[in-house]
Amino acid sequence: MSFGRPPTFNVFSPTPPARGSFPLDHDGDCTAPMRLYLACLKEHKNNNGACRELSKAYLQCRMDNGLMEKDDFTNLGYADLAAKEASAGSSTSALGTSAASSSTASHPPADGRRV
């Protein structure tokens, strides 16, 4: 029994975060992307899924300005957005090549001969 003294507790020992800490944005380098993200959260009733691209832009700003260690977005939980951007880039390049080939095929040469 512990007459008058506090019961024994396990000693709490804090552990640092897995990714480390990063400095505050004292110069306001990334204030604009942060405000866009916060406005998006407010507009979508704190549904962060609707604002993922803005949060990614904010993290990119922090990485670009040395406020955060550079890392791949797939490690930060944005693998789905990276895959979406990669597929969008390949589809636009595929559209560009098919559009270029179809435009040359539909128009005869300027001198009137057939190809």
C-alpha atoms as a PDB file:
ATOM      1  CA  MET A   1       0.000   0.000   0.000  1.00  0.00           C
ATOM      2  CA  SER A   2       1.073   3.532  -0.589  1.00  0.00           C
ATOM      3  CA  PHE A   3      -0.041   5.475   2.432  1.00  0.00           C
ATOM      4  CA  GLY A   4       0.134   9.112   1.390  1.00  0.00           C
ATOM      5  CA  ARG A   5       2.560   8.760  -1.467  1.00  0.00           C
ATOM      6  CA  PRO A   6       1.683   8.506  -5.145  1.00  0.00           C
ATOM      7  CA  PRO A   7       1.425   5.058  -6.655  1.00  0.00           C
ATOM      8  CA  THR A   8       4.315   3.888  -8.759  1.00  0.00           C
ATOM      9  CA  PHE A   9       4.084   4.694 -12.426  1.00  0.00           C
ATOM     10  CA  ASN A  10       6.171   3.623 -15.347  1.00  0.00           C
ATOM     11  CA  VAL A  11       8.646   6.342 -16.187  1.00  0.00           C
ATOM     12  CA  PHE A  12       7.738   8.108 -19.413  1.00  0.00           C
ATOM     13  CA  SER A  13      10.631   8.570 -21.796  1.00  0.00           C
ATOM     14  CA  PRO A  14       9.829  10.618 -24.900  1.00  0.00           C
ATOM     15  CA  THR A  15      11.012   9.335 -28.257  1.00  0.00           C
ATOM     16  CA  PRO A  16      11.785  11.520 -31.268  1.00  0.00           C
ATOM     17  CA  PRO A  17       9.553  11.254 -34.339  1.00  0.00           C
ATOM     18  CA  ALA A  18      10.577   8.770 -37.043  1.00  0.00           C
ATOM     19  CA  ARG A  19      11.128  11.468 -39.663  1.00  0.00           C
ATOM     20  CA  GLY A  20      12.763  13.933 -37.301  1.00  0.00           C
ATOM     21  CA  SER A  21      11.660  17.465 -36.684  1.00  0.00           C
ATOM     22  CA  PHE A  22      11.694  20.295 -39.170  1.00  0.00           C
ATOM     23  CA  PRO A  23      12.059  24.039 -38.598  1.00  0.00           C
ATOM     24  CA  LEU A  24       9.211  26.496 -38.527  1.00  0.00           C
ATOM     25  CA  ASP A  25       8.650  28.735 -41.527  1.00  0.00           C
ATOM     26  CA  HIS A  26       9.826  31.979 -39.880  1.00  0.00           C
ATOM     27  CA  ASP A  27      10.324  33.787 -43.212  1.00  0.00           C
ATOM     28  CA  GLY A  28       6.886  32.826 -44.538  1.00  0.00           C
ATOM     29  CA  ASP A  29       8.274  31.089 -47.630  1.00  0.00           C
ATOM     30  CA  CYS A  30       5.393  28.620 -47.777  1.00  0.00           C
ATOM     31  CA  THR A  31       2.585  30.748 -46.374  1.00  0.00           C
ATOM     32  CA  ALA A  32       0.644  30.912 -49.655  1.00  0.00           C
ATOM     33  CA  PRO A  33       0.410  27.118 -50.187  1.00  0.00           C
ATOM     34  CA  MET A  34      -0.401  26.663 -46.495  1.00  0.00           C
ATOM     35  CA  ARG A  35      -3.268  29.159 -46.685  1.00  0.00           C
ATOM     36  CA  LEU A  36      -4.643  27.524 -49.843  1.00  0.00           C
ATOM     37  CA  TYR A  37      -4.587  24.159 -48.094  1.00  0.00           C
ATOM     38  CA  LEU A  38      -6.273  25.511 -44.961  1.00  0.00           C
ATOM     39  CA  ALA A  39      -8.935  27.273 -47.053  1.00  0.00           C
ATOM     40  CA  CYS A  40      -9.562  24.007 -48.889  1.00  0.00           C
ATOM     41  CA  LEU A  41      -9.956  22.181 -45.584  1.00  0.00           C
ATOM     42  CA  LYS A  42     -12.420  24.806 -44.409  1.00  0.00           C
ATOM     43  CA  GLU A  43     -14.375  24.614 -47.657  1.00  0.00           C
ATOM     44  CA  HIS A  44     -14.555  20.807 -47.557  1.00  0.00           C
ATOM     45  CA  LYS A  45     -15.391  20.575 -43.830  1.00  0.00           C
ATOM     46  CA  ASN A  46     -11.934  19.237 -42.857  1.00  0.00           C
ATOM     47  CA  ASN A  47     -12.045  16.422 -45.423  1.00  0.00           C
ATOM     48  CA  ASN A  48      -8.328  16.243 -46.156  1.00  0.00           C
ATOM     49  CA  GLY A  49      -8.856  13.756 -48.986  1.00  0.00           C
ATOM     50  CA  ALA A  50     -10.314  16.543 -51.100  1.00  0.00           C
ATOM     51  CA  CYS A  51      -7.207  18.689 -50.514  1.00  0.00           C
ATOM     52  CA  ARG A  52      -4.416  16.138 -51.016  1.00  0.00           C
ATOM     53  CA  GLU A  53      -2.920  17.905 -54.025  1.00  0.00           C
ATOM     54  CA  LEU A  54      -2.683  21.150 -52.046  1.00  0.00           C
ATOM     55  CA  SER A  55      -1.041  19.403 -49.110  1.00  0.00           C
ATOM     56  CA  LYS A  56       1.429  17.835 -51.533  1.00  0.00           C
ATOM     57  CA  ALA A  57       2.184  21.297 -52.967  1.00  0.00           C
ATOM     58  CA  TYR A  58       2.765  22.602 -49.426  1.00  0.00           C
ATOM     59  CA  LEU A  59       5.192  19.789 -48.650  1.00  0.00           C
ATOM     60  CA  GLN A  60       6.963  20.383 -51.979  1.00  0.00           C
ATOM     61  CA  CYS A  61       7.365  24.055 -51.048  1.00  0.00           C
ATOM     62  CA  ARG A  62       8.870  23.079 -47.694  1.00  0.00           C
ATOM     63  CA  MET A  63      11.298  20.710 -49.401  1.00  0.00           C
ATOM     64  CA  ASP A  64      12.265  23.315 -52.009  1.00  0.00           C
ATOM     65  CA  ASN A  65      12.980  25.938 -49.333  1.00  0.00           C
ATOM     66  CA  GLY A  66      15.032  23.681 -47.059  1.00  0.00           C
ATOM     67  CA  LEU A  67      12.360  23.559 -44.348  1.00  0.00           C
ATOM     68  CA  MET A  68      12.034  19.811 -44.685  1.00  0.00           C
ATOM     69  CA  GLU A  69      14.297  17.004 -45.827  1.00  0.00           C
ATOM     70  CA  LYS A  70      13.724  16.108 -49.475  1.00  0.00           C
ATOM     71  CA  ASP A  71      11.942  12.791 -49.832  1.00  0.00           C
ATOM     72  CA  ASP A  72       9.983  10.902 -52.434  1.00  0.00           C
ATOM     73  CA  PHE A  73       6.237  11.492 -52.250  1.00  0.00           C
ATOM     74  CA  THR A  74       5.548   7.770 -52.271  1.00  0.00           C
ATOM     75  CA  ASN A  75       7.300   7.642 -48.873  1.00  0.00           C
ATOM     76  CA  LEU A  76       5.092  10.475 -47.627  1.00  0.00           C
ATOM     77  CA  GLY A  77       1.806   8.751 -48.468  1.00  0.00           C
ATOM     78  CA  TYR A  78       1.227  10.255 -51.903  1.00  0.00           C
ATOM     79  CA  ALA A  79       1.839   7.137 -54.019  1.00  0.00           C
ATOM     80  CA  ASP A  80      -1.647   7.376 -55.530  1.00  0.00           C
ATOM     81  CA  LEU A  81      -1.090  10.986 -56.673  1.00  0.00           C
ATOM     82  CA  ALA A  82       2.339  10.125 -58.106  1.00  0.00           C
ATOM     83  CA  ALA A  83       0.809   7.250 -60.073  1.00  0.00           C
ATOM     84  CA  LYS A  84      -2.004   9.508 -61.310  1.00  0.00           C
ATOM     85  CA  GLU A  85       0.495  12.151 -62.494  1.00  0.00           C
ATOM     86  CA  ALA A  86       2.635   9.512 -64.226  1.00  0.00           C
ATOM     87  CA  SER A  87      -0.357   8.065 -66.062  1.00  0.00           C
ATOM     88  CA  ALA A  88      -1.563  11.556 -67.016  1.00  0.00           C
ATOM     89  CA  GLY A  89       1.889  12.383 -68.393  1.00  0.00           C
ATOM     90  CA  SER A  90       2.051   9.196 -70.455  1.00  0.00           C
ATOM     91  CA  SER A  91      -1.479   9.640 -71.806  1.00  0.00           C
ATOM     92  CA  THR A  92      -0.791  13.218 -72.929  1.00  0.00           C
ATOM     93  CA  SER A  93       2.422  12.135 -74.630  1.00  0.00           C
ATOM     94  CA  ALA A  94       0.562   9.269 -76.310  1.00  0.00           C
ATOM     95  CA  LEU A  95      -2.171  11.673 -77.407  1.00  0.00           C
ATOM     96  CA  GLY A  96       0.417  14.064 -78.777  1.00  0.00           C
ATOM     97  CA  THR A  97       2.075  11.400 -80.928  1.00  0.00           C
ATOM     98  CA  SER A  98      -1.208   9.987 -82.205  1.00  0.00           C
ATOM     99  CA  ALA A  99      -2.533  13.471 -82.936  1.00  0.00           C
ATOM    100  CA  ALA A 100       0.620  14.325 -84.846  1.00  0.00           C
ATOM    101  CA  SER A 101       0.466  11.130 -86.914  1.00  0.00           C
ATOM    102  CA  SER A 102      -3.249  11.536 -87.623  1.00  0.00           C
ATOM    103  CA  SER A 103      -2.844  15.174 -88.648  1.00  0.00           C
ATOM    104  CA  THR A 104      -0.181  14.285 -91.232  1.00  0.00           C
ATOM    105  CA  ALA A 105      -2.257  11.361 -92.518  1.00  0.00           C
ATOM    106  CA  SER A 106      -5.439  13.399 -92.992  1.00  0.00           C
ATOM    107  CA  HIS A 107      -3.792  16.234 -94.935  1.00  0.00           C
ATOM    108  CA  PRO A 108      -2.174  15.543 -98.310  1.00  0.00           C
ATOM    109  CA  PRO A 109       1.219  17.093 -99.068  1.00  0.00           C
ATOM    110  CA  ALA A 110       1.235  20.694-100.268  1.00  0.00           C
ATOM    111  CA  ASP A 111       2.234  19.746-103.835  1.00  0.00           C
ATOM    112  CA  GLY A 112      -0.950  17.650-104.268  1.00  0.00           C
ATOM    113  CA  ARG A 113       0.593  14.190-104.635  1.00  0.00           C
ATOM    114  CA  ARG A 114      -0.720  11.236-102.650  1.00  0.00           C
ATOM    115  CA  VAL A 115       1.312   9.477-100.037  1.00  0.00           C
END
